Amino acid sequence: MGDTINTSEECYAKLVQTFLSQPNVTQEGQGFGSSALKVRGKIFAMLVRGRLVVKLSQQRVDALIASEVGERYDPRRDGRLMKEWLSLASISEEDWLSYAREALEFVASK
């Protein structure tokens, strides 16, 4: 990787390219998560308001928040935080790829 990415949209587009070649990974639908990456129909990563949001175990999300990697995802911005969803703080192609892979493994294992 190592490419310079200017925007979160460009970084997410590269993630989509990478993951759509994997078995059972799709990007389809309408409404919530319509541009999200899904494995067997379940969302594991999505771009929301310029941030990558990934689904991980609650314990992993708690640990990453404690490490200041991101924050718990608030879909409606009303304080109702989602326990298994992390909104990443930075735009980093390497980080996004790593967390998206972890999210794919987590969701695929359920």
N, C-alpha and C. Protein backbone atom coordinates (compact mmCIF):
# COMPACT_ATOMS: atom_id res chain seq x y z
N MET A 1 0.84 -1.17 0.00
CA MET A 1 0.00 0.00 0.00
C MET A 1 0.90 1.24 0.00
N GLY A 2 0.89 2.05 1.04
CA GLY A 2 1.80 3.16 1.14
C GLY A 2 1.45 4.36 0.25
N ASP A 3 0.37 4.27 -0.54
CA ASP A 3 -0.02 5.39 -1.39
C ASP A 3 -0.57 6.52 -0.53
N THR A 4 -0.41 7.73 -1.01
CA THR A 4 -0.99 8.87 -0.33
C THR A 4 -2.46 8.97 -0.74
N ILE A 5 -3.32 9.00 0.23
CA ILE A 5 -4.76 9.10 -0.03
C ILE A 5 -5.20 10.49 0.42
N ASN A 6 -5.91 11.19 -0.46
CA ASN A 6 -6.32 12.55 -0.16
C ASN A 6 -7.61 12.63 0.63
N THR A 7 -8.56 11.75 0.34
CA THR A 7 -9.85 11.85 1.01
C THR A 7 -10.30 10.50 1.55
N SER A 8 -11.23 10.56 2.46
CA SER A 8 -11.80 9.32 3.00
C SER A 8 -12.53 8.56 1.90
N GLU A 9 -13.14 9.28 0.96
CA GLU A 9 -13.85 8.62 -0.14
C GLU A 9 -12.89 7.82 -1.01
N GLU A 10 -11.71 8.37 -1.28
CA GLU A 10 -10.71 7.65 -2.08
C GLU A 10 -10.20 6.43 -1.33
N CYS A 11 -9.97 6.60 -0.05
CA CYS A 11 -9.49 5.48 0.77
C CYS A 11 -10.54 4.37 0.82
N TYR A 12 -11.79 4.75 0.99
CA TYR A 12 -12.87 3.76 1.04
C TYR A 12 -13.03 3.06 -0.31
N ALA A 13 -12.89 3.80 -1.40
CA ALA A 13 -13.00 3.22 -2.74
C ALA A 13 -11.93 2.13 -2.93
N LYS A 14 -10.73 2.37 -2.40
CA LYS A 14 -9.68 1.35 -2.49
C LYS A 14 -10.04 0.12 -1.66
N LEU A 15 -10.63 0.34 -0.49
CA LEU A 15 -11.08 -0.79 0.34
C LEU A 15 -12.12 -1.61 -0.41
N VAL A 16 -13.07 -0.94 -1.01
CA VAL A 16 -14.12 -1.63 -1.76
C VAL A 16 -13.50 -2.49 -2.85
N GLN A 17 -12.57 -1.92 -3.62
CA GLN A 17 -11.89 -2.68 -4.68
C GLN A 17 -11.23 -3.92 -4.10
N THR A 18 -10.56 -3.77 -2.99
CA THR A 18 -9.84 -4.88 -2.36
C THR A 18 -10.79 -5.97 -1.90
N PHE A 19 -11.87 -5.59 -1.22
CA PHE A 19 -12.74 -6.59 -0.61
C PHE A 19 -13.75 -7.23 -1.55
N LEU A 20 -14.15 -6.54 -2.60
CA LEU A 20 -15.13 -7.13 -3.50
C LEU A 20 -14.61 -8.35 -4.24
N SER A 21 -13.29 -8.53 -4.25
CA SER A 21 -12.72 -9.72 -4.89
C SER A 21 -12.73 -10.93 -3.95
N GLN A 22 -13.13 -10.74 -2.72
CA GLN A 22 -13.14 -11.83 -1.73
C GLN A 22 -14.47 -12.58 -1.78
N PRO A 23 -14.43 -13.88 -1.45
CA PRO A 23 -15.67 -14.68 -1.48
C PRO A 23 -16.73 -14.12 -0.53
N ASN A 24 -17.98 -14.13 -0.99
CA ASN A 24 -19.15 -13.75 -0.19
C ASN A 24 -19.21 -12.27 0.19
N VAL A 25 -18.32 -11.43 -0.37
CA VAL A 25 -18.34 -10.00 -0.05
C VAL A 25 -19.07 -9.26 -1.17
N THR A 26 -20.02 -8.41 -0.76
CA THR A 26 -20.81 -7.64 -1.71
C THR A 26 -20.93 -6.19 -1.24
N GLN A 27 -21.48 -5.38 -2.12
CA GLN A 27 -21.80 -3.99 -1.79
C GLN A 27 -23.08 -3.67 -2.55
N GLU A 28 -24.21 -3.81 -1.88
CA GLU A 28 -25.50 -3.56 -2.53
C GLU A 28 -26.52 -3.17 -1.49
N GLY A 29 -27.70 -2.79 -1.96
CA GLY A 29 -28.79 -2.48 -1.04
C GLY A 29 -29.25 -1.05 -1.16
N GLN A 30 -30.22 -0.71 -0.33
CA GLN A 30 -30.77 0.63 -0.29
C GLN A 30 -30.84 1.08 1.16
N GLY A 31 -30.90 2.38 1.36
CA GLY A 31 -31.04 2.92 2.71
C GLY A 31 -29.79 2.74 3.54
N PHE A 32 -29.97 2.47 4.83
CA PHE A 32 -28.84 2.33 5.76
C PHE A 32 -27.86 1.30 5.22
N GLY A 33 -26.61 1.70 5.11
CA GLY A 33 -25.57 0.78 4.69
C GLY A 33 -25.59 0.44 3.22
N SER A 34 -26.24 1.26 2.39
CA SER A 34 -26.36 0.92 0.97
C SER A 34 -25.02 0.84 0.26
N SER A 35 -24.05 1.60 0.72
CA SER A 35 -22.72 1.52 0.12
C SER A 35 -21.76 0.73 0.99
N ALA A 36 -22.31 0.05 1.98
CA ALA A 36 -21.49 -0.70 2.93
C ALA A 36 -20.94 -1.98 2.31
N LEU A 37 -19.83 -2.42 2.85
CA LEU A 37 -19.28 -3.72 2.49
C LEU A 37 -19.95 -4.76 3.38
N LYS A 38 -20.41 -5.84 2.74
CA LYS A 38 -21.15 -6.87 3.46
C LYS A 38 -20.53 -8.24 3.18
N VAL A 39 -20.61 -9.11 4.16
CA VAL A 39 -20.23 -10.51 3.96
C VAL A 39 -21.48 -11.33 4.25
N ARG A 40 -21.87 -12.13 3.28
CA ARG A 40 -23.11 -12.92 3.35
C ARG A 40 -24.29 -12.05 3.80
N GLY A 41 -24.35 -10.82 3.26
CA GLY A 41 -25.47 -9.93 3.53
C GLY A 41 -25.39 -9.13 4.82
N LYS A 42 -24.33 -9.32 5.60
CA LYS A 42 -24.19 -8.60 6.88
C LYS A 42 -23.07 -7.56 6.76
N ILE A 43 -23.38 -6.33 7.16
CA ILE A 43 -22.41 -5.23 7.06
C ILE A 43 -21.22 -5.47 7.98
N PHE A 44 -20.02 -5.25 7.44
CA PHE A 44 -18.82 -5.28 8.28
C PHE A 44 -18.04 -3.97 8.22
N ALA A 45 -18.23 -3.16 7.18
CA ALA A 45 -17.53 -1.88 7.08
C ALA A 45 -18.34 -0.93 6.21
N MET A 46 -18.31 0.36 6.57
CA MET A 46 -19.02 1.36 5.79
C MET A 46 -18.38 2.72 6.01
N LEU A 47 -18.59 3.60 5.05
CA LEU A 47 -18.12 4.97 5.15
C LEU A 47 -19.29 5.84 5.59
N VAL A 48 -19.13 6.53 6.72
CA VAL A 48 -20.19 7.37 7.26
C VAL A 48 -19.60 8.72 7.64
N ARG A 49 -20.12 9.77 7.00
CA ARG A 49 -19.65 11.13 7.29
C ARG A 49 -18.12 11.22 7.26
N GLY A 50 -17.52 10.58 6.25
CA GLY A 50 -16.08 10.68 6.06
C GLY A 50 -15.23 9.81 6.97
N ARG A 51 -15.87 8.94 7.74
CA ARG A 51 -15.12 8.06 8.64
C ARG A 51 -15.45 6.61 8.34
N LEU A 52 -14.44 5.76 8.48
CA LEU A 52 -14.68 4.33 8.33
C LEU A 52 -15.30 3.81 9.61
N VAL A 53 -16.39 3.07 9.47
CA VAL A 53 -17.08 2.46 10.60
C VAL A 53 -17.03 0.95 10.39
N VAL A 54 -16.53 0.23 11.39
CA VAL A 54 -16.37 -1.23 11.28
C VAL A 54 -17.05 -1.93 12.45
N LYS A 55 -17.50 -3.17 12.19
CA LYS A 55 -18.14 -3.98 13.24
C LYS A 55 -17.12 -4.93 13.81
N LEU A 56 -16.93 -4.83 15.14
CA LEU A 56 -15.99 -5.68 15.87
C LEU A 56 -16.66 -6.09 17.17
N SER A 57 -16.03 -6.99 17.90
CA SER A 57 -16.61 -7.39 19.19
C SER A 57 -16.63 -6.18 20.13
N GLN A 58 -17.56 -6.20 21.06
CA GLN A 58 -17.65 -5.09 22.02
C GLN A 58 -16.34 -4.91 22.79
N GLN A 59 -15.71 -6.03 23.17
CA GLN A 59 -14.45 -5.95 23.91
C GLN A 59 -13.36 -5.28 23.07
N ARG A 60 -13.31 -5.61 21.78
CA ARG A 60 -12.31 -5.02 20.88
C ARG A 60 -12.60 -3.53 20.68
N VAL A 61 -13.85 -3.18 20.51
CA VAL A 61 -14.21 -1.77 20.37
C VAL A 61 -13.82 -1.00 21.63
N ASP A 62 -14.13 -1.57 22.81
CA ASP A 62 -13.75 -0.92 24.07
C ASP A 62 -12.25 -0.68 24.15
N ALA A 63 -11.46 -1.69 23.75
CA ALA A 63 -9.99 -1.58 23.81
C ALA A 63 -9.48 -0.51 22.83
N LEU A 64 -10.06 -0.47 21.64
CA LEU A 64 -9.61 0.52 20.66
C LEU A 64 -10.00 1.94 21.07
N ILE A 65 -11.15 2.09 21.71
CA ILE A 65 -11.54 3.40 22.22
C ILE A 65 -10.58 3.83 23.32
N ALA A 66 -10.23 2.91 24.20
CA ALA A 66 -9.27 3.21 25.27
C ALA A 66 -7.91 3.62 24.70
N SER A 67 -7.57 3.07 23.53
CA SER A 67 -6.30 3.41 22.87
C SER A 67 -6.42 4.64 21.98
N GLU A 68 -7.60 5.26 21.99
CA GLU A 68 -7.89 6.47 21.22
C GLU A 68 -7.76 6.27 19.70
N VAL A 69 -8.07 5.05 19.24
CA VAL A 69 -8.05 4.74 17.82
C VAL A 69 -9.32 5.28 17.16
N GLY A 70 -10.39 5.35 17.92
CA GLY A 70 -11.65 5.83 17.39
C GLY A 70 -12.66 5.98 18.50
N GLU A 71 -13.93 6.04 18.09
CA GLU A 71 -14.99 6.18 19.08
C GLU A 71 -16.15 5.26 18.70
N ARG A 72 -17.00 5.01 19.68
CA ARG A 72 -18.17 4.18 19.43
C ARG A 72 -19.07 4.91 18.42
N TYR A 73 -19.62 4.16 17.48
CA TYR A 73 -20.44 4.74 16.40
C TYR A 73 -21.81 5.16 16.94
N ASP A 74 -22.19 6.38 16.59
CA ASP A 74 -23.48 6.97 16.97
C ASP A 74 -24.24 7.25 15.68
N PRO A 75 -25.05 6.31 15.19
CA PRO A 75 -25.66 6.43 13.87
C PRO A 75 -26.58 7.64 13.70
N ARG A 76 -27.28 8.01 14.74
CA ARG A 76 -28.23 9.12 14.63
C ARG A 76 -27.69 10.41 15.25
N ARG A 77 -26.49 10.32 15.78
CA ARG A 77 -25.87 11.46 16.48
C ARG A 77 -26.75 11.97 17.61
N ASP A 78 -27.37 11.00 18.32
CA ASP A 78 -28.27 11.36 19.41
C ASP A 78 -27.84 10.74 20.74
N GLY A 79 -26.62 10.22 20.78
CA GLY A 79 -26.11 9.64 22.01
C GLY A 79 -26.39 8.16 22.18
N ARG A 80 -27.10 7.54 21.24
CA ARG A 80 -27.36 6.09 21.30
C ARG A 80 -26.23 5.36 20.60
N LEU A 81 -25.21 5.04 21.36
CA LEU A 81 -24.01 4.45 20.80
C LEU A 81 -24.18 2.97 20.53
N MET A 82 -23.56 2.49 19.46
CA MET A 82 -23.63 1.08 19.10
C MET A 82 -22.41 0.36 19.67
N LYS A 83 -22.66 -0.68 20.48
CA LYS A 83 -21.60 -1.36 21.23
C LYS A 83 -20.55 -2.05 20.37
N GLU A 84 -20.97 -2.59 19.23
CA GLU A 84 -20.04 -3.36 18.40
C GLU A 84 -19.58 -2.62 17.15
N TRP A 85 -19.71 -1.31 17.14
CA TRP A 85 -19.32 -0.54 15.96
C TRP A 85 -18.33 0.55 16.36
N LEU A 86 -17.21 0.61 15.61
CA LEU A 86 -16.16 1.59 15.87
C LEU A 86 -16.06 2.55 14.70
N SER A 87 -16.04 3.84 15.00
CA SER A 87 -15.81 4.88 14.00
C SER A 87 -14.36 5.31 14.16
N LEU A 88 -13.55 5.07 13.13
CA LEU A 88 -12.11 5.33 13.21
C LEU A 88 -11.81 6.82 13.15
N ALA A 89 -10.82 7.23 13.94
CA ALA A 89 -10.48 8.64 14.07
C ALA A 89 -9.68 9.18 12.88
N SER A 90 -8.85 8.36 12.25
CA SER A 90 -7.96 8.88 11.21
C SER A 90 -8.25 8.25 9.86
N ILE A 91 -7.74 8.89 8.83
CA ILE A 91 -7.80 8.34 7.48
C ILE A 91 -6.42 7.79 7.17
N SER A 92 -6.29 6.49 7.24
CA SER A 92 -5.03 5.82 6.95
C SER A 92 -5.37 4.56 6.17
N GLU A 93 -4.85 4.47 4.96
CA GLU A 93 -5.16 3.31 4.12
C GLU A 93 -4.77 2.01 4.81
N GLU A 94 -3.58 1.99 5.43
CA GLU A 94 -3.13 0.76 6.10
C GLU A 94 -4.02 0.41 7.28
N ASP A 95 -4.34 1.42 8.10
CA ASP A 95 -5.21 1.17 9.26
C ASP A 95 -6.59 0.73 8.82
N TRP A 96 -7.15 1.42 7.83
CA TRP A 96 -8.49 1.07 7.37
C TRP A 96 -8.53 -0.35 6.85
N LEU A 97 -7.52 -0.74 6.09
CA LEU A 97 -7.47 -2.09 5.55
C LEU A 97 -7.37 -3.11 6.68
N SER A 98 -6.54 -2.84 7.65
CA SER A 98 -6.36 -3.75 8.78
C SER A 98 -7.65 -3.91 9.58
N TYR A 99 -8.30 -2.82 9.93
CA TYR A 99 -9.54 -2.90 10.72
C TYR A 99 -10.68 -3.49 9.91
N ALA A 100 -10.74 -3.19 8.62
CA ALA A 100 -11.78 -3.78 7.78
C ALA A 100 -11.59 -5.29 7.65
N ARG A 101 -10.35 -5.75 7.55
CA ARG A 101 -10.09 -7.19 7.51
C ARG A 101 -10.54 -7.85 8.81
N GLU A 102 -10.20 -7.20 9.92
CA GLU A 102 -10.60 -7.72 11.23
C GLU A 102 -12.13 -7.78 11.34
N ALA A 103 -12.79 -6.74 10.84
CA ALA A 103 -14.26 -6.70 10.87
C ALA A 103 -14.86 -7.78 10.00
N LEU A 104 -14.29 -8.01 8.82
CA LEU A 104 -14.76 -9.07 7.93
C LEU A 104 -14.66 -10.42 8.64
N GLU A 105 -13.54 -10.68 9.27
CA GLU A 105 -13.36 -11.96 9.99
C GLU A 105 -14.37 -12.09 11.12
N PHE A 106 -14.58 -11.00 11.86
CA PHE A 106 -15.52 -11.02 12.99
C PHE A 106 -16.94 -11.31 12.51
N VAL A 107 -17.40 -10.57 11.50
CA VAL A 107 -18.77 -10.74 11.01
C VAL A 107 -18.95 -12.09 10.34
N ALA A 108 -17.96 -12.53 9.58
CA ALA A 108 -18.04 -13.83 8.89
C ALA A 108 -18.09 -14.99 9.87
N SER A 109 -17.54 -14.80 11.06
CA SER A 109 -17.50 -15.88 12.06
C SER A 109 -18.80 -16.02 12.84
N LYS A 110 -19.71 -15.08 12.69
CA LYS A 110 -20.97 -15.09 13.45
C LYS A 110 -22.00 -16.00 12.81
